Amino acid sequence: MVTFSAGGIRFSYRVGAVVVREGQVLLMRNLAEDYWFTPGGRVEFGETAPAAVAREMTEEIGAAGRIERLIWVNENFFRLGDTSHHELALYFLVSLPEAAHRDFSVRSYCEEAGGSRFEVVWHELEALKTIRLVPGFLTEALTDLPSTAVHIVQVDEPAS
């Protein structure tokens, strides 16, 4: 995975899949955490971003999506515990096959090799303000997808 630490900062290169269907967006969360995020994950060394999206979609939701286009390039600076993070994330609009995750009421689960368990759930776009969604720009941005790729820099202030 393209993740390393230097100068007291942890850098990660991540991809995210934005899957929107009938006013709903597909999100996931680590069952040990209280925040939601788009399906996706860290890119492997030598892997293209589209290949990483395809791999992560298959691993996390069990369906290969079709990448429509790049919608956001996000430079995200945040603290998690005692660690400062610099994350570069590419978000792609992805469509699923018609039969995949069709029932909006169904929750699905997946587990990563390290033992982390994740919940995958459809959320109404109009209700995103009622959940903790990271990175924060997604709360508003998911309700109005751009027609061309947009570069977003987000710097979260550390909690005092």
C-alpha atoms as a PDB file:
ATOM      1  CA  MET A   1       0.000   0.000   0.000  1.00  0.00           C
ATOM      2  CA  VAL A   2       1.188   3.511  -0.743  1.00  0.00           C
ATOM      3  CA  THR A   3       1.454   4.598   2.874  1.00  0.00           C
ATOM      4  CA  PHE A   4       4.535   5.816   4.671  1.00  0.00           C
ATOM      5  CA  SER A   5       5.611   8.121   7.476  1.00  0.00           C
ATOM      6  CA  ALA A   6       8.115  10.975   7.218  1.00  0.00           C
ATOM      7  CA  GLY A   7       8.740  14.003   9.362  1.00  0.00           C
ATOM      8  CA  GLY A   8       6.069  13.037  11.867  1.00  0.00           C
ATOM      9  CA  ILE A   9       3.325  12.832   9.207  1.00  0.00           C
ATOM     10  CA  ARG A  10       1.698   9.693   7.787  1.00  0.00           C
ATOM     11  CA  PHE A  11       1.015   9.869   4.038  1.00  0.00           C
ATOM     12  CA  SER A  12      -1.582   7.683   2.278  1.00  0.00           C
ATOM     13  CA  TYR A  13      -2.703   7.442  -1.342  1.00  0.00           C
ATOM     14  CA  ARG A  14      -6.358   6.384  -1.422  1.00  0.00           C
ATOM     15  CA  VAL A  15      -9.181   5.896  -3.907  1.00  0.00           C
ATOM     16  CA  GLY A  16     -12.890   6.176  -3.236  1.00  0.00           C
ATOM     17  CA  ALA A  17     -15.911   4.964  -5.165  1.00  0.00           C
ATOM     18  CA  VAL A  18     -18.942   7.246  -5.246  1.00  0.00           C
ATOM     19  CA  VAL A  19     -21.945   5.028  -5.923  1.00  0.00           C
ATOM     20  CA  VAL A  20     -25.231   6.921  -6.167  1.00  0.00           C
ATOM     21  CA  ARG A  21     -28.558   5.345  -7.056  1.00  0.00           C
ATOM     22  CA  GLU A  22     -32.088   6.782  -6.760  1.00  0.00           C
ATOM     23  CA  GLY A  23     -31.199   9.428  -4.166  1.00  0.00           C
ATOM     24  CA  GLN A  24     -29.055   7.062  -2.114  1.00  0.00           C
ATOM     25  CA  VAL A  25     -25.280   6.799  -1.729  1.00  0.00           C
ATOM     26  CA  LEU A  26     -23.402   3.644  -0.746  1.00  0.00           C
ATOM     27  CA  LEU A  27     -21.201   4.206   2.323  1.00  0.00           C
ATOM     28  CA  MET A  28     -19.292   2.042   4.745  1.00  0.00           C
ATOM     29  CA  ARG A  29     -17.806   2.190   8.212  1.00  0.00           C
ATOM     30  CA  ASN A  30     -15.426   0.204  10.353  1.00  0.00           C
ATOM     31  CA  LEU A  31     -17.613  -1.353  13.057  1.00  0.00           C
ATOM     32  CA  ALA A  32     -15.089  -0.133  15.645  1.00  0.00           C
ATOM     33  CA  GLU A  33     -15.471   3.523  14.554  1.00  0.00           C
ATOM     34  CA  ASP A  34     -18.259   6.123  14.472  1.00  0.00           C
ATOM     35  CA  TYR A  35     -17.740   7.629  11.019  1.00  0.00           C
ATOM     36  CA  TRP A  36     -18.724   6.704   7.452  1.00  0.00           C
ATOM     37  CA  PHE A  37     -16.748   6.888   4.188  1.00  0.00           C
ATOM     38  CA  THR A  38     -17.039   5.828   0.565  1.00  0.00           C
ATOM     39  CA  PRO A  39     -16.028   2.310  -0.447  1.00  0.00           C
ATOM     40  CA  GLY A  40     -12.382   2.263  -1.448  1.00  0.00           C
ATOM     41  CA  GLY A  41      -8.990   2.065   0.117  1.00  0.00           C
ATOM     42  CA  ARG A  42      -5.299   2.512  -0.288  1.00  0.00           C
ATOM     43  CA  VAL A  43      -3.634   2.077  -3.642  1.00  0.00           C
ATOM     44  CA  GLU A  44      -0.935  -0.604  -3.932  1.00  0.00           C
ATOM     45  CA  PHE A  45       2.537   0.279  -5.259  1.00  0.00           C
ATOM     46  CA  GLY A  46       2.490  -0.115  -9.056  1.00  0.00           C
ATOM     47  CA  GLU A  47      -1.334  -0.148  -9.204  1.00  0.00           C
ATOM     48  CA  THR A  48      -3.329   2.417 -11.168  1.00  0.00           C
ATOM     49  CA  ALA A  49      -6.103   4.306  -9.404  1.00  0.00           C
ATOM     50  CA  PRO A  50      -8.863   2.734 -11.573  1.00  0.00           C
ATOM     51  CA  ALA A  51      -7.465  -0.754 -10.881  1.00  0.00           C
ATOM     52  CA  ALA A  52      -7.444   0.029  -7.155  1.00  0.00           C
ATOM     53  CA  VAL A  53     -11.095   1.154  -7.283  1.00  0.00           C
ATOM     54  CA  ALA A  54     -12.076  -2.060  -9.079  1.00  0.00           C
ATOM     55  CA  ARG A  55     -10.162  -4.210  -6.587  1.00  0.00           C
ATOM     56  CA  GLU A  56     -11.587  -2.418  -3.548  1.00  0.00           C
ATOM     57  CA  MET A  57     -15.166  -2.611  -4.872  1.00  0.00           C
ATOM     58  CA  THR A  58     -14.866  -6.353  -5.390  1.00  0.00           C
ATOM     59  CA  GLU A  59     -13.289  -6.880  -1.960  1.00  0.00           C
ATOM     60  CA  GLU A  60     -15.694  -4.655  -0.036  1.00  0.00           C
ATOM     61  CA  ILE A  61     -19.062  -4.989  -1.725  1.00  0.00           C
ATOM     62  CA  GLY A  62     -18.647  -8.113  -3.824  1.00  0.00           C
ATOM     63  CA  ALA A  63     -19.518  -6.395  -7.098  1.00  0.00           C
ATOM     64  CA  ALA A  64     -17.381  -4.993  -9.862  1.00  0.00           C
ATOM     65  CA  GLY A  65     -18.557  -1.509 -10.701  1.00  0.00           C
ATOM     66  CA  ARG A  66     -18.007   0.471 -13.881  1.00  0.00           C
ATOM     67  CA  ILE A  67     -15.893   3.578 -13.421  1.00  0.00           C
ATOM     68  CA  GLU A  68     -17.671   6.483 -15.064  1.00  0.00           C
ATOM     69  CA  ARG A  69     -15.204   9.310 -14.381  1.00  0.00           C
ATOM     70  CA  LEU A  70     -12.968  11.051 -11.865  1.00  0.00           C
ATOM     71  CA  ILE A  71     -14.952  13.589  -9.817  1.00  0.00           C
ATOM     72  CA  TRP A  72     -12.666  14.781  -7.005  1.00  0.00           C
ATOM     73  CA  VAL A  73      -8.993  14.998  -6.208  1.00  0.00           C
ATOM     74  CA  ASN A  74      -8.817  15.540  -2.456  1.00  0.00           C
ATOM     75  CA  GLU A  75      -5.801  16.565  -0.422  1.00  0.00           C
ATOM     76  CA  ASN A  76      -6.870  15.894   3.138  1.00  0.00           C
ATOM     77  CA  PHE A  77      -4.865  16.951   6.190  1.00  0.00           C
ATOM     78  CA  PHE A  78      -6.142  15.648   9.539  1.00  0.00           C
ATOM     79  CA  ARG A  79      -5.192  14.183  12.897  1.00  0.00           C
ATOM     80  CA  LEU A  80      -6.195  10.731  14.023  1.00  0.00           C
ATOM     81  CA  GLY A  81      -5.223  10.205  17.630  1.00  0.00           C
ATOM     82  CA  ASP A  82      -1.658  11.450  18.023  1.00  0.00           C
ATOM     83  CA  THR A  83      -0.819  11.102  14.338  1.00  0.00           C
ATOM     84  CA  SER A  84      -0.941  13.833  11.684  1.00  0.00           C
ATOM     85  CA  HIS A  85      -2.089  12.550   8.305  1.00  0.00           C
ATOM     86  CA  HIS A  86      -1.706  13.783   4.728  1.00  0.00           C
ATOM     87  CA  GLU A  87      -4.014  11.822   2.460  1.00  0.00           C
ATOM     88  CA  LEU A  88      -4.241  12.149  -1.305  1.00  0.00           C
ATOM     89  CA  ALA A  89      -7.525  10.640  -2.477  1.00  0.00           C
ATOM     90  CA  LEU A  90      -9.026  10.268  -5.927  1.00  0.00           C
ATOM     91  CA  TYR A  91     -12.804   9.819  -5.965  1.00  0.00           C
ATOM     92  CA  PHE A  92     -14.455   8.167  -8.964  1.00  0.00           C
ATOM     93  CA  LEU A  93     -18.119   8.049  -9.887  1.00  0.00           C
ATOM     94  CA  VAL A  94     -18.917   4.332 -10.154  1.00  0.00           C
ATOM     95  CA  SER A  95     -22.058   2.584 -11.366  1.00  0.00           C
ATOM     96  CA  LEU A  96     -23.009  -0.895 -10.197  1.00  0.00           C
ATOM     97  CA  PRO A  97     -24.681  -3.620 -12.227  1.00  0.00           C
ATOM     98  CA  GLU A  98     -28.468  -3.285 -11.900  1.00  0.00           C
ATOM     99  CA  ALA A  99     -28.802  -6.346  -9.636  1.00  0.00           C
ATOM    100  CA  ALA A 100     -25.955  -5.423  -7.267  1.00  0.00           C
ATOM    101  CA  HIS A 101     -27.012  -4.031  -3.894  1.00  0.00           C
ATOM    102  CA  ARG A 102     -30.494  -3.355  -5.231  1.00  0.00           C
ATOM    103  CA  ASP A 103     -32.351  -3.439  -1.890  1.00  0.00           C
ATOM    104  CA  PHE A 104     -31.685  -0.154  -0.070  1.00  0.00           C
ATOM    105  CA  SER A 105     -32.708  -1.647   3.292  1.00  0.00           C
ATOM    106  CA  VAL A 106     -30.063  -4.397   3.307  1.00  0.00           C
ATOM    107  CA  ARG A 107     -26.877  -3.954   5.328  1.00  0.00           C
ATOM    108  CA  SER A 108     -23.905  -6.003   4.221  1.00  0.00           C
ATOM    109  CA  TYR A 109     -20.628  -6.746   5.951  1.00  0.00           C
ATOM    110  CA  CYS A 110     -17.068  -7.496   4.940  1.00  0.00           C
ATOM    111  CA  GLU A 111     -13.849  -8.274   6.750  1.00  0.00           C
ATOM    112  CA  GLU A 112     -10.288  -7.290   5.867  1.00  0.00           C
ATOM    113  CA  ALA A 113      -7.259  -9.543   6.229  1.00  0.00           C
ATOM    114  CA  GLY A 114      -6.244  -7.767   9.458  1.00  0.00           C
ATOM    115  CA  GLY A 115      -9.574  -8.666  11.064  1.00  0.00           C
ATOM    116  CA  SER A 116     -11.316  -5.286  10.744  1.00  0.00           C
ATOM    117  CA  ARG A 117     -15.051  -5.664  10.080  1.00  0.00           C
ATOM    118  CA  PHE A 118     -16.973  -3.181   7.956  1.00  0.00           C
ATOM    119  CA  GLU A 119     -20.657  -2.423   7.458  1.00  0.00           C
ATOM    120  CA  VAL A 120     -21.897  -1.311   4.014  1.00  0.00           C
ATOM    121  CA  VAL A 121     -25.163   0.670   3.935  1.00  0.00           C
ATOM    122  CA  TRP A 122     -27.146   2.867   1.544  1.00  0.00           C
ATOM    123  CA  HIS A 123     -27.759   6.368   2.949  1.00  0.00           C
ATOM    124  CA  GLU A 124     -30.243   8.927   1.696  1.00  0.00           C
ATOM    125  CA  LEU A 125     -28.417  11.885   0.165  1.00  0.00           C
ATOM    126  CA  GLU A 126     -30.786  14.277   1.906  1.00  0.00           C
ATOM    127  CA  ALA A 127     -29.886  12.823   5.334  1.00  0.00           C
ATOM    128  CA  LEU A 128     -26.076  12.974   5.107  1.00  0.00           C
ATOM    129  CA  LYS A 129     -25.935  15.820   7.629  1.00  0.00           C
ATOM    130  CA  THR A 130     -27.212  13.414  10.282  1.00  0.00           C
ATOM    131  CA  ILE A 131     -24.130  11.140  10.124  1.00  0.00           C
ATOM    132  CA  ARG A 132     -20.406  11.695  10.562  1.00  0.00           C
ATOM    133  CA  LEU A 133     -19.001  11.421   7.032  1.00  0.00           C
ATOM    134  CA  VAL A 134     -15.294  11.734   6.233  1.00  0.00           C
ATOM    135  CA  PRO A 135     -13.747  13.583   4.652  1.00  0.00           C
ATOM    136  CA  GLY A 136     -16.165  16.335   5.620  1.00  0.00           C
ATOM    137  CA  PHE A 137     -16.495  17.921   2.176  1.00  0.00           C
ATOM    138  CA  LEU A 138     -18.497  14.859   1.069  1.00  0.00           C
ATOM    139  CA  THR A 139     -21.520  15.808   3.192  1.00  0.00           C
ATOM    140  CA  GLU A 140     -22.380  18.659   0.806  1.00  0.00           C
ATOM    141  CA  ALA A 141     -20.511  17.525  -2.306  1.00  0.00           C
ATOM    142  CA  LEU A 142     -22.345  14.203  -2.682  1.00  0.00           C
ATOM    143  CA  THR A 143     -25.650  16.035  -3.149  1.00  0.00           C
ATOM    144  CA  ASP A 144     -24.341  18.014  -6.139  1.00  0.00           C
ATOM    145  CA  LEU A 145     -21.806  16.009  -8.149  1.00  0.00           C
ATOM    146  CA  PRO A 146     -19.555  18.120 -10.377  1.00  0.00           C
ATOM    147  CA  SER A 147     -19.585  17.651 -14.147  1.00  0.00           C
ATOM    148  CA  THR A 148     -15.769  17.831 -14.292  1.00  0.00           C
ATOM    149  CA  ALA A 149     -13.076  16.837 -11.802  1.00  0.00           C
ATOM    150  CA  VAL A 150     -12.590  19.248  -8.896  1.00  0.00           C
ATOM    151  CA  HIS A 151      -9.511  19.633  -6.688  1.00  0.00           C
ATOM    152  CA  ILE A 152     -10.369  20.033  -2.990  1.00  0.00           C
ATOM    153  CA  VAL A 153      -7.911  20.771  -0.189  1.00  0.00           C
ATOM    154  CA  GLN A 154      -9.255  20.127   3.285  1.00  0.00           C
ATOM    155  CA  VAL A 155      -7.369  20.962   6.454  1.00  0.00           C
ATOM    156  CA  ASP A 156      -9.066  19.798   9.632  1.00  0.00           C
ATOM    157  CA  GLU A 157      -8.043  21.720  12.708  1.00  0.00           C
ATOM    158  CA  PRO A 158      -6.903  19.490  15.569  1.00  0.00           C
ATOM    159  CA  ALA A 159      -9.375  19.231  18.438  1.00  0.00           C
ATOM    160  CA  SER A 160      -8.413  21.431  21.364  1.00  0.00           C
END
